[in-house]
Amino acid sequence: MKDIDWGSLGFGYVQTDKRFVANFKDGAWDEGALVDDPMVTMSECAGVLQYAQTCFEGLKAYRTEDGRIVTFRPDLNAARMADSCRRLEMPVFPEDKWVEAVVETIKANIDFVPPYGSGATLYIRPYMFGINPVIGVKPANDYQFRVFCTPVGPYFKGGVKPITIRVSDFDRAAPNGTGHIKAGLNYAMSLHAIVDAHNQGFAENMYLDPKTRTKVEETGGANFIFITKDGTLVTPKSDSILPSITRRSLCVVAEKYLGMKVEHREVFFDEIKDFAECGLCGTAAVISPVGKVVDHGNEICFPAGMEEMGPWTKKLYDTLTGIQMGRLEAPEGWLVEIK
């Protein structure tokens, strides 16, 4: 294991030893290889630089309680990136080879996987972009698929505290746009809104549906979960929400491990005052509890409060992280062991 102060890691980039690179040229992918060089060389006119033709994924590897190294549901990330590629007119990197590339990248950087109990994990970032010169508005011909990884600290330094978010005046996605895929351009468009939210003292934005602005969608980088007063897990349903792997996993955990009722449906904004708990879920934090939503000065406070995670949210968080860390038995196929 590398000599790193695992406890002081933030959520930032630390260069590791190897990364996977494959190239699509003349209509086909090459075999790809692990390389030492972290730099990307491309034309000044590369498609990604001109028209933002790029998509990405994010997943983690962990050391489990019994000493194994595992990654969590990479097949779902592979399938989601395939969907992103199809929507952006990019060639799909075969899903089985995608998972292999992730596993090989973790294996090649095994000494960067933080120790069990440190709170740190190895974050893996697969991504693809158009690399040949493109000056007319059209898809690139040549693409590069890469996977790098970086050790990251716990998302919440010093413990989890519920956050305050605001209802945004900006839209995250167009009604029939790219909200359901992990396109780089979605995140570029959310940057102004998140900087503005932070400047106003809020941790995140709650985006409403772009068509009617009456239904809850997601934040810039996470799906919402709500808990009703009778302990039902409710997750918003919409064609412009990114299908979060963490959210889908939490729904299984709620039903199969905790015996909760689960509803995946449209959630109207005027309903949220009646929920007992609220959280944001995603790869980085797993669940960030929300204590308060501010709608243009009108405060909606959840009964769970601003001090700690609500009781059901905590059970969901503890169960899913317990599965990821090997403390609880995982459903079939959820953990891929790195051997």
Protein backbone atom coordinates (compact mmCIF):
# COMPACT_ATOMS: atom_id res chain seq x y z
CA MET A 1 0.00 0.00 0.00
CA LYS A 2 1.23 3.50 -0.85
CA ASP A 3 2.50 5.75 1.93
CA ILE A 4 -0.43 8.19 1.88
CA ASP A 5 -2.09 9.96 4.79
CA TRP A 6 -5.44 8.35 3.98
CA GLY A 7 -7.25 10.27 6.72
CA SER A 8 -6.45 13.68 5.24
CA LEU A 9 -7.49 12.96 1.63
CA GLY A 10 -10.12 15.26 0.19
CA PHE A 11 -12.36 14.65 -2.84
CA GLY A 12 -9.69 15.63 -5.38
CA TYR A 13 -7.36 14.23 -8.02
CA VAL A 14 -4.26 12.30 -6.95
CA GLN A 15 -2.25 10.91 -9.86
CA THR A 16 -1.90 7.12 -9.77
CA ASP A 17 0.48 4.79 -11.62
CA LYS A 18 -1.56 3.47 -14.55
CA ARG A 19 -4.59 4.30 -16.64
CA PHE A 20 -6.40 2.41 -19.43
CA VAL A 21 -6.56 3.91 -22.94
CA ALA A 22 -8.37 2.55 -26.03
CA ASN A 23 -8.81 4.27 -29.41
CA PHE A 24 -11.64 4.09 -31.95
CA LYS A 25 -10.34 4.68 -35.48
CA ASP A 26 -11.51 3.59 -38.94
CA GLY A 27 -14.73 2.27 -37.44
CA ALA A 28 -13.27 -0.06 -34.81
CA TRP A 29 -11.85 -0.12 -31.29
CA ASP A 30 -8.27 -1.23 -30.75
CA GLU A 31 -7.42 -3.60 -27.90
CA GLY A 32 -6.52 -0.82 -25.51
CA ALA A 33 -3.70 -0.90 -22.96
CA LEU A 34 -2.61 0.31 -19.55
CA VAL A 35 -0.23 3.26 -19.90
CA ASP A 36 1.97 5.34 -17.58
CA ASP A 37 1.44 8.76 -19.19
CA PRO A 38 -1.41 10.76 -17.61
CA MET A 39 -1.38 13.41 -20.36
CA VAL A 40 -3.85 13.49 -23.27
CA THR A 41 -2.56 14.80 -26.62
CA MET A 42 -5.03 15.92 -29.26
CA SER A 43 -5.61 18.40 -32.07
CA GLU A 44 -6.56 21.95 -31.20
CA CYS A 45 -9.67 21.25 -33.28
CA ALA A 46 -10.63 17.97 -31.52
CA GLY A 47 -14.38 17.36 -31.47
CA VAL A 48 -14.53 17.36 -27.69
CA LEU A 49 -12.96 20.83 -27.52
CA GLN A 50 -15.29 22.31 -30.12
CA TYR A 51 -18.66 20.69 -29.42
CA ALA A 52 -18.33 18.98 -26.00
CA GLN A 53 -18.82 15.47 -27.39
CA THR A 54 -17.95 13.59 -24.22
CA CYS A 55 -19.52 11.43 -21.51
CA PHE A 56 -18.24 9.86 -18.31
CA GLU A 57 -18.99 7.54 -15.40
CA GLY A 58 -17.96 7.36 -11.75
CA LEU A 59 -17.66 4.34 -9.47
CA LYS A 60 -15.58 3.20 -6.51
CA ALA A 61 -13.40 0.35 -5.28
CA TYR A 62 -13.20 -0.57 -1.60
CA ARG A 63 -11.27 -2.80 0.77
CA THR A 64 -13.83 -4.92 2.61
CA GLU A 65 -13.80 -5.93 6.25
CA ASP A 66 -12.40 -9.37 5.34
CA GLY A 67 -9.57 -7.93 3.22
CA ARG A 68 -10.97 -8.31 -0.30
CA ILE A 69 -10.93 -5.48 -2.84
CA VAL A 70 -14.24 -5.02 -4.64
CA THR A 71 -15.99 -2.60 -6.96
CA PHE A 72 -19.72 -1.92 -6.87
CA ARG A 73 -22.08 -2.85 -9.75
CA PRO A 74 -19.78 -1.84 -12.65
CA ASP A 75 -22.12 -3.54 -15.14
CA LEU A 76 -24.71 -0.81 -14.50
CA ASN A 77 -22.13 1.92 -15.15
CA ALA A 78 -21.12 0.17 -18.38
CA ALA A 79 -24.74 0.01 -19.53
CA ARG A 80 -25.37 3.65 -18.62
CA MET A 81 -22.29 4.78 -20.55
CA ALA A 82 -23.49 2.76 -23.55
CA ASP A 83 -26.77 4.71 -23.38
CA SER A 84 -24.86 8.00 -23.12
CA CYS A 85 -22.74 7.10 -26.17
CA ARG A 86 -25.75 6.20 -28.28
CA ARG A 87 -27.48 9.49 -27.44
CA LEU A 88 -24.30 11.49 -28.26
CA GLU A 89 -23.62 9.61 -31.54
CA MET A 90 -20.46 8.06 -30.10
CA PRO A 91 -19.34 4.44 -30.59
CA VAL A 92 -20.21 2.14 -27.68
CA PHE A 93 -17.23 0.56 -25.96
CA PRO A 94 -18.36 -3.08 -25.48
CA GLU A 95 -19.85 -3.45 -22.00
CA ASP A 96 -17.93 -6.60 -21.06
CA LYS A 97 -14.64 -5.00 -22.13
CA TRP A 98 -15.65 -1.83 -20.27
CA VAL A 99 -15.93 -3.77 -17.01
CA GLU A 100 -12.62 -5.55 -17.78
CA ALA A 101 -10.91 -2.17 -18.33
CA VAL A 102 -12.18 -0.91 -14.96
CA VAL A 103 -11.03 -4.08 -13.18
CA GLU A 104 -7.60 -3.96 -14.86
CA THR A 105 -7.17 -0.28 -13.94
CA ILE A 106 -7.99 -1.00 -10.30
CA LYS A 107 -5.62 -3.99 -10.32
CA ALA A 108 -2.80 -1.89 -11.80
CA ASN A 109 -3.27 0.71 -9.04
CA ILE A 110 -4.02 -1.72 -6.21
CA ASP A 111 -1.64 0.05 -3.80
CA PHE A 112 -3.81 3.16 -4.04
CA VAL A 113 -6.92 1.40 -2.67
CA PRO A 114 -7.26 2.88 0.85
CA PRO A 115 -7.34 0.63 3.91
CA TYR A 116 -10.64 -0.60 5.34
CA GLY A 117 -11.95 1.72 8.04
CA SER A 118 -10.11 4.82 6.77
CA GLY A 119 -13.26 6.34 5.26
CA ALA A 120 -11.33 6.74 1.99
CA THR A 121 -12.02 4.85 -1.25
CA LEU A 122 -10.59 4.53 -4.77
CA TYR A 123 -12.70 6.57 -7.18
CA ILE A 124 -12.70 5.32 -10.79
CA ARG A 125 -13.48 7.65 -13.71
CA PRO A 126 -14.14 6.05 -17.13
CA TYR A 127 -14.78 8.58 -19.90
CA MET A 128 -14.89 8.94 -23.67
CA PHE A 129 -14.49 11.85 -26.06
CA GLY A 130 -14.25 12.78 -29.74
CA ILE A 131 -10.58 13.29 -30.56
CA ASN A 132 -10.15 14.02 -34.28
CA PRO A 133 -10.46 17.55 -35.75
CA VAL A 134 -14.11 18.58 -36.25
CA ILE A 135 -14.99 22.07 -37.48
CA GLY A 136 -18.47 21.47 -38.94
CA VAL A 137 -21.18 20.63 -36.41
CA LYS A 138 -21.18 16.84 -36.63
CA PRO A 139 -20.01 13.83 -34.61
CA ALA A 140 -16.29 13.06 -34.55
CA ASN A 141 -14.95 10.03 -36.45
CA ASP A 142 -12.29 9.02 -33.91
CA TYR A 143 -12.72 8.57 -30.16
CA GLN A 144 -10.66 7.79 -27.10
CA PHE A 145 -11.93 5.80 -24.12
CA ARG A 146 -9.94 6.17 -20.91
CA VAL A 147 -10.15 4.99 -17.32
CA PHE A 148 -8.18 6.59 -14.50
CA CYS A 149 -8.54 6.28 -10.76
CA THR A 150 -7.70 8.41 -7.75
CA PRO A 151 -7.92 7.80 -4.00
CA VAL A 152 -10.47 10.10 -2.36
CA GLY A 153 -11.35 10.87 1.24
CA PRO A 154 -14.81 10.62 2.78
CA TYR A 155 -17.29 13.03 1.22
CA PHE A 156 -18.25 14.33 4.67
CA LYS A 157 -15.28 15.43 6.73
CA GLY A 158 -16.06 15.36 10.43
CA GLY A 159 -19.37 13.56 10.14
CA VAL A 160 -22.63 13.88 8.25
CA LYS A 161 -24.72 17.00 8.82
CA PRO A 162 -27.98 17.69 6.95
CA ILE A 163 -27.68 20.40 4.31
CA THR A 164 -29.86 23.30 3.20
CA ILE A 165 -30.73 23.47 -0.49
CA ARG A 166 -32.75 25.88 -2.62
CA VAL A 167 -35.28 25.56 -5.40
CA SER A 168 -33.42 26.71 -8.51
CA ASP A 169 -34.71 29.15 -11.09
CA PHE A 170 -32.46 27.43 -13.63
CA ASP A 171 -33.34 24.24 -15.49
CA ARG A 172 -30.93 21.31 -15.37
CA ALA A 173 -32.19 19.71 -18.60
CA ALA A 174 -34.50 20.35 -21.54
CA PRO A 175 -37.80 18.41 -21.63
CA ASN A 176 -36.56 16.09 -24.40
CA GLY A 177 -32.86 16.74 -23.90
CA THR A 178 -29.92 14.90 -22.35
CA GLY A 179 -30.83 14.87 -18.65
CA HIS A 180 -31.08 11.05 -18.61
CA ILE A 181 -27.48 10.48 -19.77
CA LYS A 182 -24.12 11.32 -18.20
CA ALA A 183 -22.96 13.87 -20.75
CA GLY A 184 -20.19 16.28 -19.78
CA LEU A 185 -22.25 19.16 -21.17
CA ASN A 186 -24.98 18.58 -18.53
CA TYR A 187 -22.45 19.32 -15.83
CA ALA A 188 -21.00 22.33 -17.65
CA MET A 189 -24.50 23.82 -17.79
CA SER A 190 -25.02 23.27 -14.05
CA LEU A 191 -21.83 25.08 -12.95
CA HIS A 192 -23.28 28.60 -12.94
CA ALA A 193 -26.30 27.42 -10.92
CA ILE A 194 -24.19 25.66 -8.27
CA VAL A 195 -21.74 28.57 -7.93
CA ASP A 196 -24.72 30.92 -7.54
CA ALA A 197 -26.30 28.60 -4.94
CA HIS A 198 -23.05 28.48 -2.95
CA ASN A 199 -22.75 32.28 -3.13
CA GLN A 200 -26.27 32.53 -1.66
CA GLY A 201 -25.35 30.13 1.19
CA PHE A 202 -26.98 26.94 -0.12
CA ALA A 203 -25.29 23.56 -0.51
CA GLU A 204 -27.16 22.49 -3.64
CA ASN A 205 -29.99 23.21 -6.08
CA MET A 206 -33.30 21.40 -6.32
CA TYR A 207 -34.20 21.36 -9.99
CA LEU A 208 -37.86 21.12 -10.97
CA ASP A 209 -39.11 19.53 -14.18
CA PRO A 210 -38.29 21.81 -17.12
CA LYS A 211 -41.70 21.50 -18.76
CA THR A 212 -44.12 22.45 -15.96
CA ARG A 213 -41.79 23.34 -13.04
CA THR A 214 -44.20 21.59 -10.64
CA LYS A 215 -42.34 18.29 -10.09
CA VAL A 216 -39.08 17.48 -8.30
CA GLU A 217 -36.29 16.20 -10.57
CA GLU A 218 -32.75 16.04 -9.11
CA THR A 219 -29.77 18.19 -8.17
CA GLY A 220 -26.76 18.90 -10.38
CA GLY A 221 -25.10 15.62 -9.42
CA ALA A 222 -27.47 13.44 -7.38
CA ASN A 223 -30.96 11.93 -7.31
CA PHE A 224 -33.48 12.71 -4.56
CA ILE A 225 -34.91 10.24 -2.08
CA PHE A 226 -37.83 11.04 0.22
CA ILE A 227 -39.24 9.13 3.19
CA THR A 228 -42.90 9.48 4.11
CA LYS A 229 -44.10 9.72 7.70
CA ASP A 230 -45.11 6.03 7.57
CA GLY A 231 -41.64 4.93 6.36
CA THR A 232 -42.17 4.58 2.60
CA LEU A 233 -39.22 5.37 0.31
CA VAL A 234 -40.29 7.64 -2.56
CA THR A 235 -38.02 8.46 -5.52
CA PRO A 236 -38.91 10.91 -8.32
CA LYS A 237 -39.60 9.46 -11.76
CA SER A 238 -38.89 11.46 -14.93
CA ASP A 239 -37.41 10.97 -18.40
CA SER A 240 -34.91 13.79 -17.75
CA ILE A 241 -33.43 12.40 -14.50
CA LEU A 242 -30.12 10.54 -14.65
CA PRO A 243 -30.81 6.92 -13.54
CA SER A 244 -28.58 6.86 -10.45
CA ILE A 245 -27.03 3.49 -9.65
CA THR A 246 -26.96 4.43 -5.96
CA ARG A 247 -30.68 5.31 -6.05
CA ARG A 248 -31.58 2.03 -7.78
CA SER A 249 -29.49 0.13 -5.23
CA LEU A 250 -31.13 1.95 -2.30
CA CYS A 251 -34.57 0.93 -3.61
CA VAL A 252 -33.51 -2.74 -3.50
CA VAL A 253 -31.98 -2.27 -0.03
CA ALA A 254 -35.18 -0.60 1.23
CA GLU A 255 -37.44 -3.38 0.00
CA LYS A 256 -35.31 -6.50 0.48
CA TYR A 257 -33.21 -5.64 3.55
CA LEU A 258 -35.37 -3.17 5.49
CA GLY A 259 -38.88 -4.27 4.48
CA MET A 260 -39.85 -0.77 3.40
CA LYS A 261 -42.51 0.05 0.83
CA VAL A 262 -40.91 1.69 -2.24
CA GLU A 263 -42.55 4.05 -4.73
CA HIS A 264 -40.81 5.28 -7.88
CA ARG A 265 -43.20 7.93 -9.21
CA GLU A 266 -43.66 11.57 -10.12
CA VAL A 267 -43.16 13.73 -7.03
CA PHE A 268 -44.92 17.09 -7.06
CA PHE A 269 -43.11 19.95 -5.38
CA ASP A 270 -46.12 20.81 -3.22
CA GLU A 271 -45.89 17.31 -1.69
CA ILE A 272 -42.44 17.70 -0.16
CA LYS A 273 -43.70 19.58 2.91
CA ASP A 274 -45.44 16.32 3.92
CA PHE A 275 -42.31 14.10 3.81
CA ALA A 276 -40.46 13.18 7.01
CA GLU A 277 -36.96 12.84 5.53
CA CYS A 278 -35.09 13.89 2.39
CA GLY A 279 -31.70 12.99 0.96
CA LEU A 280 -29.51 13.27 -2.13
CA CYS A 281 -27.95 10.03 -3.32
CA GLY A 282 -24.97 9.39 -5.56
CA THR A 283 -21.61 7.61 -5.81
CA ALA A 284 -19.57 10.26 -3.99
CA ALA A 285 -21.54 10.66 -0.75
CA VAL A 286 -23.94 7.65 -0.98
CA ILE A 287 -26.58 9.78 0.81
CA SER A 288 -26.40 13.47 1.78
CA PRO A 289 -29.26 14.22 4.17
CA VAL A 290 -31.29 17.36 3.48
CA GLY A 291 -32.68 19.24 6.47
CA LYS A 292 -34.25 22.22 4.72
CA VAL A 293 -35.43 23.29 1.27
CA VAL A 294 -35.78 27.05 0.66
CA ASP A 295 -38.24 28.08 -2.04
CA HIS A 296 -37.67 31.79 -2.66
CA GLY A 297 -37.65 32.63 1.05
CA ASN A 298 -40.24 30.04 2.07
CA GLU A 299 -38.53 27.43 4.26
CA ILE A 300 -39.62 23.79 4.16
CA CYS A 301 -38.06 21.97 7.13
CA PHE A 302 -38.08 18.19 7.38
CA PRO A 303 -39.01 16.71 10.78
CA ALA A 304 -35.68 14.79 10.81
CA GLY A 305 -34.04 18.18 11.44
CA MET A 306 -30.62 19.73 10.85
CA GLU A 307 -28.56 17.74 13.37
CA GLU A 308 -28.24 14.24 11.91
CA MET A 309 -29.56 11.86 9.28
CA GLY A 310 -33.19 10.87 9.73
CA PRO A 311 -33.73 7.36 11.14
CA TRP A 312 -34.77 5.70 7.87
CA THR A 313 -32.12 7.54 5.84
CA LYS A 314 -29.49 6.32 8.32
CA LYS A 315 -30.71 2.72 8.03
CA LEU A 316 -30.52 2.96 4.23
CA TYR A 317 -27.05 4.52 4.38
CA ASP A 318 -25.70 2.00 6.89
CA THR A 319 -27.12 -0.97 4.98
CA LEU A 320 -25.84 0.07 1.55
CA THR A 321 -22.37 1.01 2.84
CA GLY A 322 -22.38 -2.23 4.84
CA ILE A 323 -22.96 -4.15 1.59
CA GLN A 324 -20.26 -2.16 -0.23
CA MET A 325 -17.73 -2.71 2.55
CA GLY A 326 -18.48 -6.42 2.91
CA ARG A 327 -20.05 -6.18 6.37
CA LEU A 328 -23.40 -7.39 5.00
CA GLU A 329 -24.07 -10.01 2.37
CA ALA A 330 -24.49 -8.44 -1.05
CA PRO A 331 -27.18 -9.36 -3.58
CA GLU A 332 -25.91 -11.61 -6.38
CA GLY A 333 -23.58 -9.77 -8.78
CA TRP A 334 -23.38 -6.48 -6.87
CA LEU A 335 -19.73 -6.79 -5.85
CA VAL A 336 -17.01 -7.61 -8.38
CA GLU A 337 -13.87 -8.82 -6.62
CA ILE A 338 -10.48 -7.63 -7.86
CA LYS A 339 -8.14 -10.64 -7.73
